[in-house]
């Protein structure tokens, strides 16, 4: 009887020992699962916002090559960038309180119907066109003879529901429509003129420099704002002309490799670097010069976005001067205050860097010419 009681006690003891162990394991599993869900929500769920913050100030000289270019640059010309990040819960909350970060809804950045991939492609395209304008402006100021080559038509965006969306991708280069060479966007429109929805056309295009062909059925294009009447037939792409600027002399041909930097805002600084390599004198005079601004072929400098972030990037690289596009007011009353915003941010971070208001490439060259050598 005594042994039986002992056995019962032992059995009860073993059972009471096993039960908490199973309960603890379950609690650990639930806690781990909850932790994984929380981490996923905090770090991996993308919110419909972009976060803009200071990027980099990068030396341009290694990006620009001219066979007979001058190598006398004692100072540095730098482009400046803005870093753009997808928002998750963590960096969104940080952005709300960080004094030098900016949160914007994606709808304010993306065009109607534009995907993020198409936005990236558009930024790459405008960087290429900006470089072409910078080369042309520099050639003009350095009095280097040049000519323009048309290089085809790039696909910037595809329209949903049409055949182009199924076959073509942003970044593809259209070469032919039927038997017609496509050198500019108008060539594509001419090839489609008179055709109706339901007909087909063979499109020759290049993807990653590999030539391909596809037969695309034409569809009815959506009417643009202000358009009336019968919809035009098309393949459903947003085309953009590609062109290159060629020097009449091969040893003065400019080539630019800017890596993954996108957008048009480095135009001014590219034009100054190209000009500096084309002329015998060194326009930097030993100074570290950062800046931003779009460039037109005639040297006009235009406004850009995110200049307050670029000031911080330039200050971190110890720039002596920062070239900022001048404040402008458009006919509809809209104001873009690049220079004023740059001065305000410069005061906030207490930089020693001097902010210089620039309206044209000539403004920048005259300012540099007046500087004493460092």
Protein backbone atom coordinates (compact mmCIF):
# COMPACT_ATOMS: atom_id res chain seq x y z
CA UNK A 1 0.00 0.00 0.00
CA UNK A 2 2.82 2.31 0.87
CA UNK A 3 4.56 1.55 -2.44
CA UNK A 4 1.34 2.21 -4.33
CA UNK A 5 1.03 5.64 -2.68
CA UNK A 6 4.62 6.39 -3.53
CA UNK A 7 3.98 5.43 -7.15
CA UNK A 8 0.95 7.70 -7.24
CA UNK A 9 2.94 10.55 -5.77
CA UNK A 10 5.70 9.94 -8.29
CA UNK A 11 3.22 9.79 -11.18
CA UNK A 12 1.51 12.98 -10.09
CA UNK A 13 4.87 14.63 -9.68
CA UNK A 14 5.94 13.67 -13.22
CA UNK A 15 2.64 14.85 -14.72
CA UNK A 16 2.80 18.15 -12.86
CA UNK A 17 6.33 18.61 -14.18
CA UNK A 18 5.46 17.91 -17.81
CA UNK A 19 2.43 20.25 -18.01
CA UNK A 20 4.25 23.51 -17.28
CA UNK A 21 6.97 22.59 -19.78
CA UNK A 22 4.39 22.24 -22.59
CA UNK A 23 2.74 25.49 -21.49
CA UNK A 24 6.08 27.36 -21.47
CA UNK A 25 6.97 26.10 -24.95
CA UNK A 26 3.61 27.30 -26.24
CA UNK A 27 4.14 30.71 -24.67
CA UNK A 28 7.60 30.97 -26.23
CA UNK A 29 6.21 30.09 -29.66
CA UNK A 30 3.39 32.64 -29.35
CA UNK A 31 5.83 35.33 -28.18
CA UNK A 32 8.21 34.57 -31.05
CA UNK A 33 5.35 34.69 -33.55
CA UNK A 34 4.12 38.02 -32.16
CA UNK A 35 7.69 39.36 -32.30
CA UNK A 36 8.07 38.32 -35.95
CA UNK A 37 4.76 39.99 -36.84
CA UNK A 38 5.78 43.21 -35.07
CA UNK A 39 9.18 43.27 -36.82
CA UNK A 40 7.47 42.66 -40.16
CA UNK A 41 5.00 45.49 -39.58
CA UNK A 42 7.72 47.89 -38.43
CA UNK A 43 10.36 47.22 -41.08
CA UNK A 44 8.86 45.46 -44.10
CA UNK A 45 5.39 46.93 -44.67
CA UNK A 46 5.83 49.84 -47.11
CA UNK A 47 3.83 52.98 -46.48
CA UNK A 48 2.61 55.26 -49.32
CA UNK A 49 5.33 57.84 -48.59
CA UNK A 50 8.86 58.69 -49.65
CA UNK A 51 11.38 60.04 -47.15
CA UNK A 52 13.85 62.62 -48.48
CA UNK A 53 17.13 63.21 -46.66
CA UNK A 54 20.67 64.48 -47.32
CA UNK A 55 22.50 62.41 -49.92
CA UNK A 56 26.07 62.85 -51.14
CA UNK A 57 28.38 65.46 -52.63
CA UNK A 58 30.45 63.69 -55.26
CA UNK A 59 33.48 64.78 -57.27
CA UNK A 60 32.52 65.03 -60.95
CA UNK A 61 35.95 64.81 -62.56
CA UNK A 62 36.15 60.97 -62.44
CA UNK A 63 32.74 60.83 -64.16
CA UNK A 64 33.77 62.96 -67.17
CA UNK A 65 36.25 61.84 -69.84
CA UNK A 66 37.61 63.92 -72.74
CA UNK A 67 40.54 62.44 -74.74
CA UNK A 68 42.29 65.81 -75.06
CA UNK A 69 40.90 67.26 -71.85
CA UNK A 70 42.90 69.42 -69.48
CA UNK A 71 44.12 67.73 -66.30
CA UNK A 72 45.02 70.86 -64.35
CA UNK A 73 42.13 70.84 -61.86
CA UNK A 74 43.53 71.75 -58.43
CA UNK A 75 40.17 72.15 -56.73
CA UNK A 76 36.99 70.08 -56.95
CA UNK A 77 33.64 70.48 -58.65
CA UNK A 78 30.94 68.43 -56.94
CA UNK A 79 27.37 67.47 -57.77
CA UNK A 80 25.00 66.97 -54.86
CA UNK A 81 22.24 64.41 -54.36
CA UNK A 82 19.17 63.75 -52.26
CA UNK A 83 18.63 60.31 -50.78
CA UNK A 84 15.09 58.96 -51.26
CA UNK A 85 13.87 56.03 -49.17
CA UNK A 86 10.65 54.05 -49.13
CA UNK A 87 8.85 54.66 -45.85
CA UNK A 88 8.26 51.90 -43.33
CA UNK A 89 6.81 52.45 -39.88
CA UNK A 90 10.21 52.92 -38.23
CA UNK A 91 11.77 55.46 -40.60
CA UNK A 92 8.40 57.21 -40.97
CA UNK A 93 8.28 57.86 -37.20
CA UNK A 94 11.93 58.96 -37.25
CA UNK A 95 11.18 61.27 -40.18
CA UNK A 96 8.37 62.95 -38.23
CA UNK A 97 10.80 64.21 -35.60
CA UNK A 98 14.08 64.47 -37.53
CA UNK A 99 14.81 68.13 -38.34
CA UNK A 100 16.52 67.38 -41.67
CA UNK A 101 14.26 64.70 -43.12
CA UNK A 102 11.17 65.33 -45.23
CA UNK A 103 8.14 63.07 -45.74
CA UNK A 104 6.11 63.33 -48.93
CA UNK A 105 3.23 61.18 -50.21
CA UNK A 106 4.21 59.13 -53.24
CA UNK A 107 1.31 60.66 -55.17
CA UNK A 108 3.10 64.03 -55.07
CA UNK A 109 6.16 62.50 -56.75
CA UNK A 110 4.77 59.94 -59.19
CA UNK A 111 2.86 60.98 -62.28
CA UNK A 112 -0.68 59.72 -62.81
CA UNK A 113 -0.55 55.99 -63.52
CA UNK A 114 3.24 55.90 -63.13
CA UNK A 115 4.82 52.97 -61.27
CA UNK A 116 7.94 53.33 -59.13
CA UNK A 117 9.94 51.45 -61.77
CA UNK A 118 8.72 53.92 -64.40
CA UNK A 119 9.61 56.82 -62.11
CA UNK A 120 13.14 55.45 -61.77
CA UNK A 121 13.40 55.09 -65.53
CA UNK A 122 12.17 58.67 -66.00
CA UNK A 123 14.87 59.89 -63.62
CA UNK A 124 17.51 58.01 -65.62
CA UNK A 125 16.18 59.51 -68.85
CA UNK A 126 16.15 63.09 -67.58
CA UNK A 127 19.69 62.58 -66.30
CA UNK A 128 20.76 61.57 -69.83
CA UNK A 129 19.02 64.58 -71.40
CA UNK A 130 20.52 66.82 -68.72
CA UNK A 131 23.99 65.51 -69.55
CA UNK A 132 23.39 66.19 -73.25
CA UNK A 133 22.33 69.76 -72.43
CA UNK A 134 25.37 70.19 -70.18
CA UNK A 135 27.71 69.02 -72.94
CA UNK A 136 26.08 71.35 -75.46
CA UNK A 137 26.26 74.34 -73.07
CA UNK A 138 29.93 73.62 -72.30
CA UNK A 139 30.82 73.19 -75.99
CA UNK A 140 29.10 76.49 -76.79
CA UNK A 141 30.94 78.39 -74.03
CA UNK A 142 34.29 76.77 -74.93
CA UNK A 143 33.67 77.42 -78.66
CA UNK A 144 33.97 73.73 -79.59
CA UNK A 145 32.12 72.82 -82.85
CA UNK A 146 29.55 70.05 -82.40
CA UNK A 147 26.48 68.38 -83.92
CA UNK A 148 23.44 66.50 -82.63
CA UNK A 149 22.74 62.79 -83.32
CA UNK A 150 19.30 61.25 -82.80
CA UNK A 151 19.70 57.89 -81.07
CA UNK A 152 16.16 56.48 -81.06
CA UNK A 153 13.11 56.69 -78.82
CA UNK A 154 13.03 55.38 -75.24
CA UNK A 155 9.94 53.90 -73.61
CA UNK A 156 9.33 55.84 -70.41
CA UNK A 157 5.95 54.37 -69.47
CA UNK A 158 3.43 51.82 -70.73
CA UNK A 159 -0.32 52.36 -70.57
CA UNK A 160 -2.43 49.68 -68.86
CA UNK A 161 -4.62 47.48 -71.01
CA UNK A 162 -2.75 48.04 -74.28
CA UNK A 163 -0.37 45.72 -76.12
CA UNK A 164 2.74 47.74 -75.29
CA UNK A 165 2.31 46.90 -71.62
CA UNK A 166 2.57 43.16 -72.34
CA UNK A 167 5.72 43.32 -74.46
CA UNK A 168 7.70 46.50 -73.77
CA UNK A 169 9.36 47.72 -70.59
CA UNK A 170 10.51 51.16 -69.42
CA UNK A 171 14.01 51.68 -70.79
CA UNK A 172 13.45 49.79 -74.05
CA UNK A 173 14.58 51.74 -77.13
CA UNK A 174 12.27 51.72 -80.17
CA UNK A 175 14.16 51.30 -83.45
CA UNK A 176 11.51 50.58 -86.08
CA UNK A 177 7.72 50.67 -86.46
CA UNK A 178 6.89 48.43 -89.37
CA UNK A 179 9.48 49.29 -92.02
CA UNK A 180 9.94 52.86 -90.79
CA UNK A 181 13.06 53.76 -88.79
CA UNK A 182 12.21 55.42 -85.49
CA UNK A 183 14.71 58.19 -84.76
CA UNK A 184 12.35 60.58 -82.97
CA UNK A 185 8.92 60.15 -81.37
CA UNK A 186 7.24 61.78 -84.39
CA UNK A 187 8.48 58.86 -86.55
CA UNK A 188 6.42 56.47 -84.40
CA UNK A 189 3.33 58.68 -84.73
CA UNK A 190 3.83 58.88 -88.50
CA UNK A 191 4.09 55.08 -88.77
CA UNK A 192 0.77 54.68 -86.91
CA UNK A 193 -1.06 57.44 -88.78
CA UNK A 194 -4.20 56.17 -90.51
CA UNK A 195 -4.17 52.81 -88.72
CA UNK A 196 -7.14 51.65 -86.67
CA UNK A 197 -7.59 49.75 -83.42
CA UNK A 198 -7.39 46.01 -84.08
CA UNK A 199 -4.67 46.24 -86.71
CA UNK A 200 -1.13 45.09 -85.92
CA UNK A 201 2.33 46.52 -86.41
CA UNK A 202 5.79 44.99 -86.00
CA UNK A 203 7.94 46.88 -83.52
CA UNK A 204 11.71 46.48 -83.51
CA UNK A 205 13.28 47.50 -80.21
CA UNK A 206 16.45 47.11 -78.15
CA UNK A 207 16.52 45.90 -74.57
CA UNK A 208 19.90 45.99 -72.83
CA UNK A 209 21.37 46.61 -76.32
CA UNK A 210 19.88 43.33 -77.64
CA UNK A 211 17.63 43.85 -80.68
CA UNK A 212 14.21 42.17 -80.60
CA UNK A 213 10.97 42.18 -82.59
CA UNK A 214 7.31 41.78 -81.66
CA UNK A 215 3.96 42.13 -83.42
CA UNK A 216 1.71 44.44 -81.38
CA UNK A 217 -2.03 44.87 -81.80
CA UNK A 218 -3.13 48.50 -81.88
CA UNK A 219 -5.67 49.68 -79.33
CA UNK A 220 -7.67 52.85 -78.75
CA UNK A 221 -5.56 55.34 -76.83
CA UNK A 222 -7.25 57.24 -73.99
CA UNK A 223 -8.19 60.80 -74.90
CA UNK A 224 -5.86 63.44 -73.48
CA UNK A 225 -7.16 66.44 -71.61
CA UNK A 226 -8.83 68.74 -74.14
CA UNK A 227 -8.97 66.08 -76.88
CA UNK A 228 -12.28 65.25 -78.58
CA UNK A 229 -13.42 62.98 -81.35
CA UNK A 230 -12.30 59.48 -82.33
CA UNK A 231 -9.50 58.04 -80.15
CA UNK A 232 -6.19 57.48 -81.95
CA UNK A 233 -4.83 53.96 -82.38
CA UNK A 234 -1.55 53.14 -80.71
CA UNK A 235 0.55 50.59 -78.85
CA UNK A 236 0.25 52.37 -75.50
CA UNK A 237 3.70 53.77 -74.67
CA UNK A 238 4.97 57.14 -73.49
CA UNK A 239 7.96 57.78 -75.81
CA UNK A 240 10.92 60.09 -75.26
CA UNK A 241 13.52 61.17 -77.81
CA UNK A 242 17.13 60.18 -77.17
CA UNK A 243 19.94 62.25 -78.61
CA UNK A 244 23.67 62.66 -78.21
CA UNK A 245 25.96 65.64 -78.64
CA UNK A 246 28.99 64.90 -80.79
CA UNK A 247 32.10 67.02 -81.11
CA UNK A 248 33.28 67.61 -84.66
CA UNK A 249 36.74 66.59 -83.40
CA UNK A 250 36.99 63.13 -81.81
CA UNK A 251 39.65 64.16 -79.29
CA UNK A 252 37.20 66.63 -77.73
CA UNK A 253 34.32 64.17 -77.42
CA UNK A 254 32.79 64.14 -73.94
CA UNK A 255 31.62 60.92 -72.30
CA UNK A 256 29.92 60.83 -68.90
CA UNK A 257 29.49 57.87 -66.56
CA UNK A 258 27.49 58.92 -63.51
CA UNK A 259 26.55 55.48 -62.20
CA UNK A 260 23.10 55.25 -60.64
CA UNK A 261 22.63 58.98 -60.10
CA UNK A 262 19.34 60.11 -61.66
CA UNK A 263 17.46 63.33 -62.29
CA UNK A 264 18.35 66.58 -64.09
CA UNK A 265 19.71 68.62 -61.20
CA UNK A 266 23.44 68.01 -61.82
CA UNK A 267 23.31 69.82 -65.18
CA UNK A 268 25.04 73.02 -64.07
CA UNK A 269 27.89 71.24 -62.32
CA UNK A 270 28.45 68.85 -65.23
CA UNK A 271 28.66 71.80 -67.63
CA UNK A 272 31.27 73.52 -65.42
CA UNK A 273 33.38 70.35 -65.15
CA UNK A 274 33.24 69.75 -68.93
CA UNK A 275 34.15 73.38 -69.60
CA UNK A 276 37.05 73.14 -67.15
CA UNK A 277 38.47 70.15 -69.04
CA UNK A 278 38.03 71.86 -72.43
CA UNK A 279 39.91 75.07 -71.57
CA UNK A 280 43.57 75.38 -70.51
CA UNK A 281 42.97 77.39 -67.31
CA UNK A 282 41.63 75.83 -64.08
CA UNK A 283 38.38 77.57 -63.13
CA UNK A 284 38.35 75.95 -59.64
CA UNK A 285 41.53 77.78 -58.50
CA UNK A 286 41.95 75.20 -55.74
CA UNK A 287 38.49 75.60 -54.16
CA UNK A 288 35.94 72.91 -53.35
CA UNK A 289 32.80 73.95 -55.23
CA UNK A 290 29.49 72.14 -54.87
CA UNK A 291 26.19 73.04 -56.42
CA UNK A 292 22.99 72.08 -58.16
CA UNK A 293 20.63 73.26 -60.89
CA UNK A 294 19.29 72.12 -64.24
CA UNK A 295 20.95 73.44 -67.37
CA UNK A 296 19.49 74.47 -70.72
CA UNK A 297 21.50 74.26 -73.92
CA UNK A 298 21.98 78.06 -73.83
CA UNK A 299 23.38 77.91 -70.27
CA UNK A 300 20.23 78.98 -68.40
CA UNK A 301 20.12 77.43 -64.92
CA UNK A 302 16.78 76.17 -63.63
CA UNK A 303 15.43 75.31 -60.15
CA UNK A 304 15.45 71.87 -58.57
CA UNK A 305 13.96 70.09 -55.57
CA UNK A 306 15.50 69.15 -52.24
CA UNK A 307 18.13 71.88 -52.09
CA UNK A 308 17.92 71.99 -48.28
CA UNK A 309 19.20 68.39 -48.20
CA UNK A 310 21.96 69.09 -50.70
CA UNK A 311 23.34 71.92 -48.54
CA UNK A 312 23.95 69.41 -45.75
CA UNK A 313 25.62 66.96 -48.14
CA UNK A 314 27.94 69.68 -49.46
CA UNK A 315 28.80 70.90 -45.96
CA UNK A 316 29.81 67.37 -44.92
CA UNK A 317 32.30 67.34 -47.81
CA UNK A 318 33.73 70.71 -46.66
CA UNK A 319 32.74 72.68 -49.77
CA UNK A 320 33.93 76.30 -49.87
CA UNK A 321 31.09 77.44 -52.14
CA UNK A 322 27.64 76.19 -53.09
CA UNK A 323 26.03 77.30 -56.36
CA UNK A 324 22.25 77.55 -55.89
CA UNK A 325 19.70 78.38 -58.64
CA UNK A 326 18.22 81.84 -58.21
CA UNK A 327 14.69 82.30 -56.86
CA UNK A 328 12.10 82.43 -59.64
CA UNK A 329 8.45 83.44 -59.88
CA UNK A 330 6.45 81.99 -62.77
CA UNK A 331 3.63 83.67 -64.69
CA UNK A 332 0.97 81.80 -62.69
CA UNK A 333 2.41 83.22 -59.46
CA UNK A 334 4.19 80.01 -58.40
CA UNK A 335 7.48 80.68 -56.61
CA UNK A 336 10.50 78.41 -56.34
CA UNK A 337 12.93 79.74 -53.76
CA UNK A 338 16.05 77.59 -54.22
CA UNK A 339 18.54 80.29 -53.23
CA UNK A 340 16.53 81.50 -50.22
CA UNK A 341 15.96 77.93 -49.00
CA UNK A 342 19.67 77.19 -49.37
CA UNK A 343 20.64 80.29 -47.35
CA UNK A 344 18.14 79.40 -44.63
CA UNK A 345 19.42 75.82 -44.28
CA UNK A 346 23.03 77.05 -44.35
CA UNK A 347 22.25 79.31 -41.37
CA UNK A 348 20.53 76.45 -39.52
CA UNK A 349 23.55 74.17 -39.75
CA UNK A 350 25.99 77.10 -39.21
CA UNK A 351 28.15 76.20 -42.20
CA UNK A 352 31.13 78.29 -43.29
CA UNK A 353 30.28 77.46 -46.90
CA UNK A 354 29.23 80.49 -48.98
CA UNK A 355 25.94 80.21 -50.89
CA UNK A 356 26.11 81.82 -54.35
CA UNK A 357 22.99 82.66 -56.37
CA UNK A 358 23.30 81.49 -60.00
CA UNK A 359 20.97 82.21 -62.93
CA UNK A 360 23.16 81.15 -65.85
CA UNK A 361 26.36 79.27 -66.56
CA UNK A 362 27.94 82.68 -67.28
CA UNK A 363 27.09 83.78 -63.72
CA UNK A 364 29.03 80.82 -62.34
CA UNK A 365 32.02 81.36 -64.64
CA UNK A 366 32.20 85.08 -63.84
CA UNK A 367 32.04 84.37 -60.10
CA UNK A 368 34.86 81.83 -60.33
CA UNK A 369 36.95 84.13 -62.54
CA UNK A 370 36.78 86.83 -59.85
CA UNK A 371 38.06 84.53 -57.08
CA UNK A 372 41.69 84.81 -56.02
CA UNK A 373 43.72 81.58 -56.27
CA UNK A 374 43.54 79.58 -53.05
